[in-house]
Amino acid sequence: MGRFSPNNGTKRSHGEKVVKDIRRAARKQCSAEEKIQIVLDGLKAEDSIAELCRRESIAQSLCYGWSKEFLEDGKKHLAGDTARAATSTEVKDLRWDSRDLKEVVAERALELRLLKKSRIAPLGDA
């Protein structure tokens, strides 16, 4: 029969799914500063990329991807093209800020209208 389930290998066993989930959770999460340092270490070429990736516990493809992004963004920055796409978190934060600012403006506009009405009413009676 072999390694595959009776469904021609299309379904994973529960154990395989658990192992995959554990591996996904155990992946190293690098901060931006760590990524930059890894890329710079790779550019220094004191060690091979394979050795660097082994030491940092990351895949070589990940290191090459970071290097490519780093160099492309650096090239864009030096060319004066600093525009970039906002992340979804940044967009959400900006939407919240915009909503908060609109509320403040609406409150101030209402206060101003009430102040104007209160000043006009006594003058109109005299």
N, C-alpha and C. Protein backbone atom coordinates (compact mmCIF):
# COMPACT_ATOMS: atom_id res chain seq x y z
N MET A 1 0.81 -1.19 0.00
CA MET A 1 0.00 0.00 0.00
C MET A 1 0.86 1.25 0.00
N GLY A 2 1.89 1.32 0.80
CA GLY A 2 2.77 2.48 0.78
C GLY A 2 2.42 3.49 1.85
N ARG A 3 2.88 4.72 1.63
CA ARG A 3 2.76 5.76 2.63
C ARG A 3 1.42 6.48 2.59
N PHE A 4 0.68 6.36 1.51
CA PHE A 4 -0.51 7.18 1.33
C PHE A 4 -1.75 6.51 1.88
N SER A 5 -2.73 7.34 2.22
CA SER A 5 -4.00 6.83 2.71
C SER A 5 -4.79 6.25 1.54
N PRO A 6 -5.88 5.56 1.82
CA PRO A 6 -6.68 4.96 0.74
C PRO A 6 -7.25 6.00 -0.22
N ASN A 7 -7.23 7.27 0.12
CA ASN A 7 -7.78 8.31 -0.75
C ASN A 7 -6.74 8.86 -1.70
N ASN A 8 -5.85 8.03 -2.20
CA ASN A 8 -4.81 8.43 -3.16
C ASN A 8 -3.91 9.54 -2.65
N GLY A 9 -3.71 9.64 -1.36
CA GLY A 9 -2.79 10.62 -0.80
C GLY A 9 -3.35 12.03 -0.73
N THR A 10 -4.63 12.21 -0.95
CA THR A 10 -5.17 13.57 -0.95
C THR A 10 -5.47 14.07 0.45
N LYS A 11 -5.73 13.18 1.40
CA LYS A 11 -6.00 13.62 2.77
C LYS A 11 -4.81 13.30 3.65
N ARG A 12 -4.50 14.23 4.53
CA ARG A 12 -3.41 13.99 5.47
C ARG A 12 -3.99 13.37 6.74
N SER A 13 -3.20 12.55 7.36
CA SER A 13 -3.66 11.98 8.63
C SER A 13 -3.63 13.06 9.69
N HIS A 14 -4.33 12.82 10.76
CA HIS A 14 -4.37 13.80 11.85
C HIS A 14 -2.97 14.06 12.39
N GLY A 15 -2.16 13.00 12.49
CA GLY A 15 -0.79 13.16 12.99
C GLY A 15 0.06 14.06 12.11
N GLU A 16 -0.08 13.91 10.79
CA GLU A 16 0.68 14.76 9.86
C GLU A 16 0.26 16.21 10.00
N LYS A 17 -1.05 16.43 10.20
CA LYS A 17 -1.55 17.79 10.36
C LYS A 17 -1.00 18.40 11.65
N VAL A 18 -0.96 17.62 12.72
CA VAL A 18 -0.44 18.12 14.00
C VAL A 18 1.04 18.48 13.86
N VAL A 19 1.80 17.61 13.21
CA VAL A 19 3.23 17.88 13.01
C VAL A 19 3.43 19.13 12.18
N LYS A 20 2.63 19.30 11.12
CA LYS A 20 2.74 20.48 10.27
C LYS A 20 2.40 21.74 11.07
N ASP A 21 1.36 21.68 11.89
CA ASP A 21 0.98 22.83 12.72
C ASP A 21 2.07 23.18 13.73
N ILE A 22 2.70 22.17 14.30
CA ILE A 22 3.78 22.41 15.26
C ILE A 22 4.97 23.06 14.56
N ARG A 23 5.32 22.56 13.38
CA ARG A 23 6.43 23.15 12.62
C ARG A 23 6.13 24.60 12.26
N ARG A 24 4.90 24.87 11.86
CA ARG A 24 4.51 26.23 11.49
C ARG A 24 4.63 27.15 12.71
N ALA A 25 4.17 26.68 13.87
CA ALA A 25 4.24 27.49 15.09
C ALA A 25 5.67 27.68 15.56
N ALA A 26 6.54 26.72 15.26
CA ALA A 26 7.93 26.78 15.74
C ALA A 26 8.84 27.57 14.81
N ARG A 27 8.33 28.03 13.68
CA ARG A 27 9.17 28.81 12.77
C ARG A 27 9.70 30.04 13.47
N LYS A 28 10.89 30.38 13.13
CA LYS A 28 11.51 31.55 13.73
C LYS A 28 10.86 32.81 13.17
N GLN A 29 10.45 33.68 14.04
CA GLN A 29 9.88 34.97 13.64
C GLN A 29 10.97 36.02 13.85
N CYS A 30 11.36 36.68 12.80
CA CYS A 30 12.43 37.67 12.87
C CYS A 30 11.85 39.07 12.81
N SER A 31 12.40 39.94 13.63
CA SER A 31 12.02 41.35 13.57
C SER A 31 12.69 41.98 12.35
N ALA A 32 12.27 43.18 12.02
CA ALA A 32 12.86 43.88 10.88
C ALA A 32 14.35 44.08 11.10
N GLU A 33 14.73 44.42 12.34
CA GLU A 33 16.15 44.64 12.64
C GLU A 33 16.96 43.36 12.46
N GLU A 34 16.38 42.23 12.88
CA GLU A 34 17.08 40.94 12.72
C GLU A 34 17.23 40.59 11.24
N LYS A 35 16.17 40.83 10.47
CA LYS A 35 16.24 40.55 9.03
C LYS A 35 17.33 41.39 8.37
N ILE A 36 17.38 42.66 8.73
CA ILE A 36 18.40 43.55 8.15
C ILE A 36 19.79 43.06 8.52
N GLN A 37 19.99 42.67 9.78
CA GLN A 37 21.30 42.19 10.20
C GLN A 37 21.69 40.92 9.46
N ILE A 38 20.73 40.02 9.26
CA ILE A 38 21.01 38.78 8.53
C ILE A 38 21.39 39.10 7.09
N VAL A 39 20.66 40.01 6.46
CA VAL A 39 20.97 40.39 5.07
C VAL A 39 22.36 41.02 5.00
N LEU A 40 22.66 41.91 5.93
CA LEU A 40 23.99 42.55 5.93
C LEU A 40 25.09 41.52 6.16
N ASP A 41 24.85 40.57 7.06
CA ASP A 41 25.84 39.50 7.28
C ASP A 41 26.05 38.70 5.99
N GLY A 42 24.96 38.46 5.26
CA GLY A 42 25.06 37.74 3.99
C GLY A 42 25.85 38.53 2.96
N LEU A 43 25.66 39.84 2.95
CA LEU A 43 26.38 40.68 2.00
C LEU A 43 27.87 40.78 2.33
N LYS A 44 28.21 40.67 3.61
CA LYS A 44 29.62 40.71 4.01
C LYS A 44 30.37 39.50 3.49
N ALA A 45 29.66 38.40 3.33
CA ALA A 45 30.22 37.15 2.78
C ALA A 45 31.35 36.59 3.63
N GLU A 46 31.31 36.83 4.95
CA GLU A 46 32.31 36.20 5.82
C GLU A 46 32.04 34.70 5.92
N ASP A 47 30.77 34.33 5.91
CA ASP A 47 30.36 32.92 5.90
C ASP A 47 29.50 32.71 4.66
N SER A 48 29.35 31.46 4.28
CA SER A 48 28.48 31.17 3.14
C SER A 48 27.03 31.42 3.55
N ILE A 49 26.16 31.62 2.57
CA ILE A 49 24.74 31.82 2.86
C ILE A 49 24.18 30.58 3.55
N ALA A 50 24.62 29.42 3.12
CA ALA A 50 24.16 28.18 3.75
C ALA A 50 24.51 28.16 5.23
N GLU A 51 25.74 28.53 5.57
CA GLU A 51 26.17 28.56 6.96
C GLU A 51 25.40 29.61 7.75
N LEU A 52 25.22 30.77 7.16
CA LEU A 52 24.47 31.85 7.81
C LEU A 52 23.04 31.39 8.11
N CYS A 53 22.40 30.78 7.14
CA CYS A 53 21.02 30.34 7.32
C CYS A 53 20.93 29.22 8.35
N ARG A 54 21.90 28.32 8.35
CA ARG A 54 21.94 27.25 9.35
C ARG A 54 22.08 27.84 10.75
N ARG A 55 22.98 28.82 10.88
CA ARG A 55 23.21 29.47 12.18
C ARG A 55 21.96 30.21 12.66
N GLU A 56 21.23 30.84 11.74
CA GLU A 56 20.05 31.63 12.09
C GLU A 56 18.76 30.80 12.08
N SER A 57 18.86 29.54 11.69
CA SER A 57 17.71 28.63 11.62
C SER A 57 16.62 29.15 10.69
N ILE A 58 17.05 29.58 9.49
CA ILE A 58 16.09 30.03 8.49
C ILE A 58 16.40 29.33 7.17
N ALA A 59 15.42 29.32 6.29
CA ALA A 59 15.61 28.72 4.96
C ALA A 59 16.42 29.67 4.08
N GLN A 60 17.22 29.12 3.21
CA GLN A 60 18.02 29.94 2.30
C GLN A 60 17.12 30.78 1.41
N SER A 61 16.00 30.22 0.98
CA SER A 61 15.09 30.97 0.11
C SER A 61 14.56 32.21 0.82
N LEU A 62 14.35 32.11 2.12
CA LEU A 62 13.90 33.25 2.91
C LEU A 62 14.97 34.33 2.94
N CYS A 63 16.20 33.92 3.15
CA CYS A 63 17.33 34.85 3.19
C CYS A 63 17.49 35.56 1.85
N TYR A 64 17.40 34.81 0.76
CA TYR A 64 17.52 35.41 -0.57
C TYR A 64 16.37 36.38 -0.83
N GLY A 65 15.17 36.02 -0.38
CA GLY A 65 14.02 36.92 -0.55
C GLY A 65 14.21 38.23 0.19
N TRP A 66 14.68 38.13 1.44
CA TRP A 66 14.94 39.34 2.23
C TRP A 66 16.00 40.21 1.55
N SER A 67 17.06 39.56 1.05
CA SER A 67 18.13 40.30 0.37
C SER A 67 17.59 41.04 -0.85
N LYS A 68 16.76 40.36 -1.62
CA LYS A 68 16.19 40.97 -2.82
C LYS A 68 15.34 42.18 -2.44
N GLU A 69 14.46 42.02 -1.44
CA GLU A 69 13.61 43.13 -1.00
C GLU A 69 14.46 44.29 -0.49
N PHE A 70 15.47 43.96 0.30
CA PHE A 70 16.35 44.96 0.89
C PHE A 70 17.04 45.79 -0.19
N LEU A 71 17.59 45.10 -1.18
CA LEU A 71 18.30 45.79 -2.25
C LEU A 71 17.35 46.59 -3.15
N GLU A 72 16.19 46.04 -3.46
CA GLU A 72 15.22 46.76 -4.29
C GLU A 72 14.71 48.01 -3.58
N ASP A 73 14.39 47.89 -2.29
CA ASP A 73 13.91 49.06 -1.55
C ASP A 73 15.01 50.10 -1.41
N GLY A 74 16.24 49.65 -1.22
CA GLY A 74 17.35 50.60 -1.14
C GLY A 74 17.54 51.34 -2.45
N LYS A 75 17.41 50.62 -3.56
CA LYS A 75 17.54 51.24 -4.87
C LYS A 75 16.43 52.26 -5.09
N LYS A 76 15.21 51.91 -4.71
CA LYS A 76 14.08 52.85 -4.86
C LYS A 76 14.31 54.09 -4.00
N HIS A 77 14.77 53.89 -2.80
CA HIS A 77 15.01 55.02 -1.90
C HIS A 77 16.08 55.95 -2.46
N LEU A 78 17.15 55.38 -2.95
CA LEU A 78 18.22 56.20 -3.52
C LEU A 78 17.76 56.93 -4.79
N ALA A 79 16.82 56.33 -5.49
CA ALA A 79 16.29 56.96 -6.70
C ALA A 79 15.24 58.02 -6.36
N GLY A 80 14.90 58.14 -5.10
CA GLY A 80 13.93 59.15 -4.68
C GLY A 80 12.50 58.66 -4.67
N ASP A 81 12.27 57.40 -4.97
CA ASP A 81 10.93 56.84 -4.97
C ASP A 81 10.67 56.21 -3.61
N THR A 82 10.17 57.00 -2.67
CA THR A 82 9.98 56.50 -1.31
C THR A 82 8.54 56.10 -1.03
N ALA A 83 7.65 56.22 -2.01
CA ALA A 83 6.26 55.81 -1.81
C ALA A 83 6.21 54.30 -1.65
N ARG A 84 5.34 53.85 -0.78
CA ARG A 84 5.18 52.41 -0.58
C ARG A 84 3.74 52.12 -0.24
N ALA A 85 3.35 50.90 -0.37
CA ALA A 85 1.99 50.50 -0.04
C ALA A 85 1.86 50.36 1.47
N ALA A 86 0.77 50.83 2.01
CA ALA A 86 0.53 50.72 3.45
C ALA A 86 0.12 49.30 3.79
N THR A 87 0.51 48.85 4.96
CA THR A 87 0.11 47.53 5.42
C THR A 87 -1.33 47.60 5.91
N SER A 88 -1.97 46.46 6.02
CA SER A 88 -3.37 46.45 6.46
C SER A 88 -3.49 47.00 7.88
N THR A 89 -2.50 46.77 8.72
CA THR A 89 -2.52 47.32 10.08
C THR A 89 -2.45 48.83 10.04
N GLU A 90 -1.60 49.36 9.18
CA GLU A 90 -1.49 50.82 9.05
C GLU A 90 -2.80 51.42 8.54
N VAL A 91 -3.42 50.75 7.58
CA VAL A 91 -4.69 51.24 7.04
C VAL A 91 -5.75 51.24 8.13
N LYS A 92 -5.83 50.17 8.91
CA LYS A 92 -6.81 50.11 10.01
C LYS A 92 -6.55 51.23 11.01
N ASP A 93 -5.29 51.43 11.38
CA ASP A 93 -4.95 52.49 12.32
C ASP A 93 -5.34 53.86 11.78
N LEU A 94 -5.07 54.09 10.51
CA LEU A 94 -5.43 55.37 9.90
C LEU A 94 -6.94 55.57 9.86
N ARG A 95 -7.67 54.49 9.61
CA ARG A 95 -9.14 54.60 9.61
C ARG A 95 -9.66 54.96 11.00
N TRP A 96 -9.08 54.33 12.03
CA TRP A 96 -9.48 54.65 13.41
C TRP A 96 -9.15 56.11 13.73
N ASP A 97 -7.95 56.54 13.36
CA ASP A 97 -7.55 57.94 13.60
C ASP A 97 -8.49 58.89 12.87
N SER A 98 -8.83 58.57 11.64
CA SER A 98 -9.73 59.41 10.86
C SER A 98 -11.11 59.50 11.52
N ARG A 99 -11.60 58.35 11.99
CA ARG A 99 -12.90 58.33 12.67
C ARG A 99 -12.87 59.19 13.92
N ASP A 100 -11.80 59.04 14.71
CA ASP A 100 -11.65 59.84 15.94
C ASP A 100 -11.59 61.33 15.62
N LEU A 101 -10.84 61.70 14.60
CA LEU A 101 -10.73 63.11 14.23
C LEU A 101 -12.07 63.67 13.73
N LYS A 102 -12.80 62.86 12.96
CA LYS A 102 -14.11 63.31 12.49
C LYS A 102 -15.06 63.55 13.67
N GLU A 103 -14.98 62.70 14.68
CA GLU A 103 -15.82 62.89 15.87
C GLU A 103 -15.46 64.19 16.58
N VAL A 104 -14.17 64.46 16.72
CA VAL A 104 -13.74 65.70 17.37
C VAL A 104 -14.22 66.91 16.58
N VAL A 105 -14.07 66.87 15.26
CA VAL A 105 -14.51 67.99 14.42
C VAL A 105 -16.02 68.18 14.56
N ALA A 106 -16.77 67.08 14.56
CA ALA A 106 -18.23 67.18 14.70
C ALA A 106 -18.62 67.77 16.05
N GLU A 107 -17.93 67.34 17.13
CA GLU A 107 -18.21 67.89 18.45
C GLU A 107 -17.91 69.39 18.50
N ARG A 108 -16.79 69.79 17.94
CA ARG A 108 -16.41 71.21 17.93
C ARG A 108 -17.38 72.04 17.10
N ALA A 109 -17.82 71.51 15.98
CA ALA A 109 -18.78 72.21 15.13
C ALA A 109 -20.10 72.40 15.88
N LEU A 110 -20.53 71.37 16.60
CA LEU A 110 -21.75 71.47 17.39
C LEU A 110 -21.60 72.49 18.51
N GLU A 111 -20.47 72.47 19.21
CA GLU A 111 -20.20 73.45 20.27
C GLU A 111 -20.22 74.86 19.70
N LEU A 112 -19.59 75.06 18.55
CA LEU A 112 -19.55 76.38 17.92
C LEU A 112 -20.95 76.84 17.55
N ARG A 113 -21.75 75.97 17.00
CA ARG A 113 -23.13 76.31 16.63
C ARG A 113 -23.94 76.70 17.87
N LEU A 114 -23.77 75.94 18.95
CA LEU A 114 -24.49 76.26 20.19
C LEU A 114 -24.03 77.60 20.76
N LEU A 115 -22.73 77.87 20.71
CA LEU A 115 -22.22 79.15 21.20
C LEU A 115 -22.76 80.31 20.37
N LYS A 116 -22.80 80.15 19.07
CA LYS A 116 -23.33 81.20 18.20
C LYS A 116 -24.79 81.46 18.49
N LYS A 117 -25.58 80.41 18.68
CA LYS A 117 -27.00 80.56 18.98
C LYS A 117 -27.20 81.24 20.33
N SER A 118 -26.37 80.90 21.31
CA SER A 118 -26.54 81.48 22.65
C SER A 118 -26.15 82.98 22.62
N ARG A 119 -25.25 83.37 21.76
CA ARG A 119 -24.86 84.78 21.67
C ARG A 119 -25.89 85.57 20.87
N ILE A 120 -26.49 84.96 19.89
CA ILE A 120 -27.46 85.66 19.04
C ILE A 120 -28.78 85.87 19.77
N ALA A 121 -29.23 84.90 20.55
CA ALA A 121 -30.53 84.97 21.22
C ALA A 121 -30.64 86.19 22.13
N PRO A 122 -29.71 86.46 23.07
CA PRO A 122 -29.86 87.63 23.95
C PRO A 122 -29.79 88.94 23.17
N LEU A 123 -28.99 89.00 22.14
CA LEU A 123 -28.88 90.24 21.36
C LEU A 123 -30.16 90.52 20.61
N GLY A 124 -30.84 89.49 20.18
CA GLY A 124 -32.07 89.67 19.43
C GLY A 124 -33.20 90.17 20.31
N ASP A 125 -33.15 89.90 21.63
CA ASP A 125 -34.20 90.33 22.55
C ASP A 125 -34.08 91.80 22.89
N ALA A 126 -32.92 92.38 22.82
CA ALA A 126 -32.69 93.75 23.27
C ALA A 126 -33.12 94.78 22.29
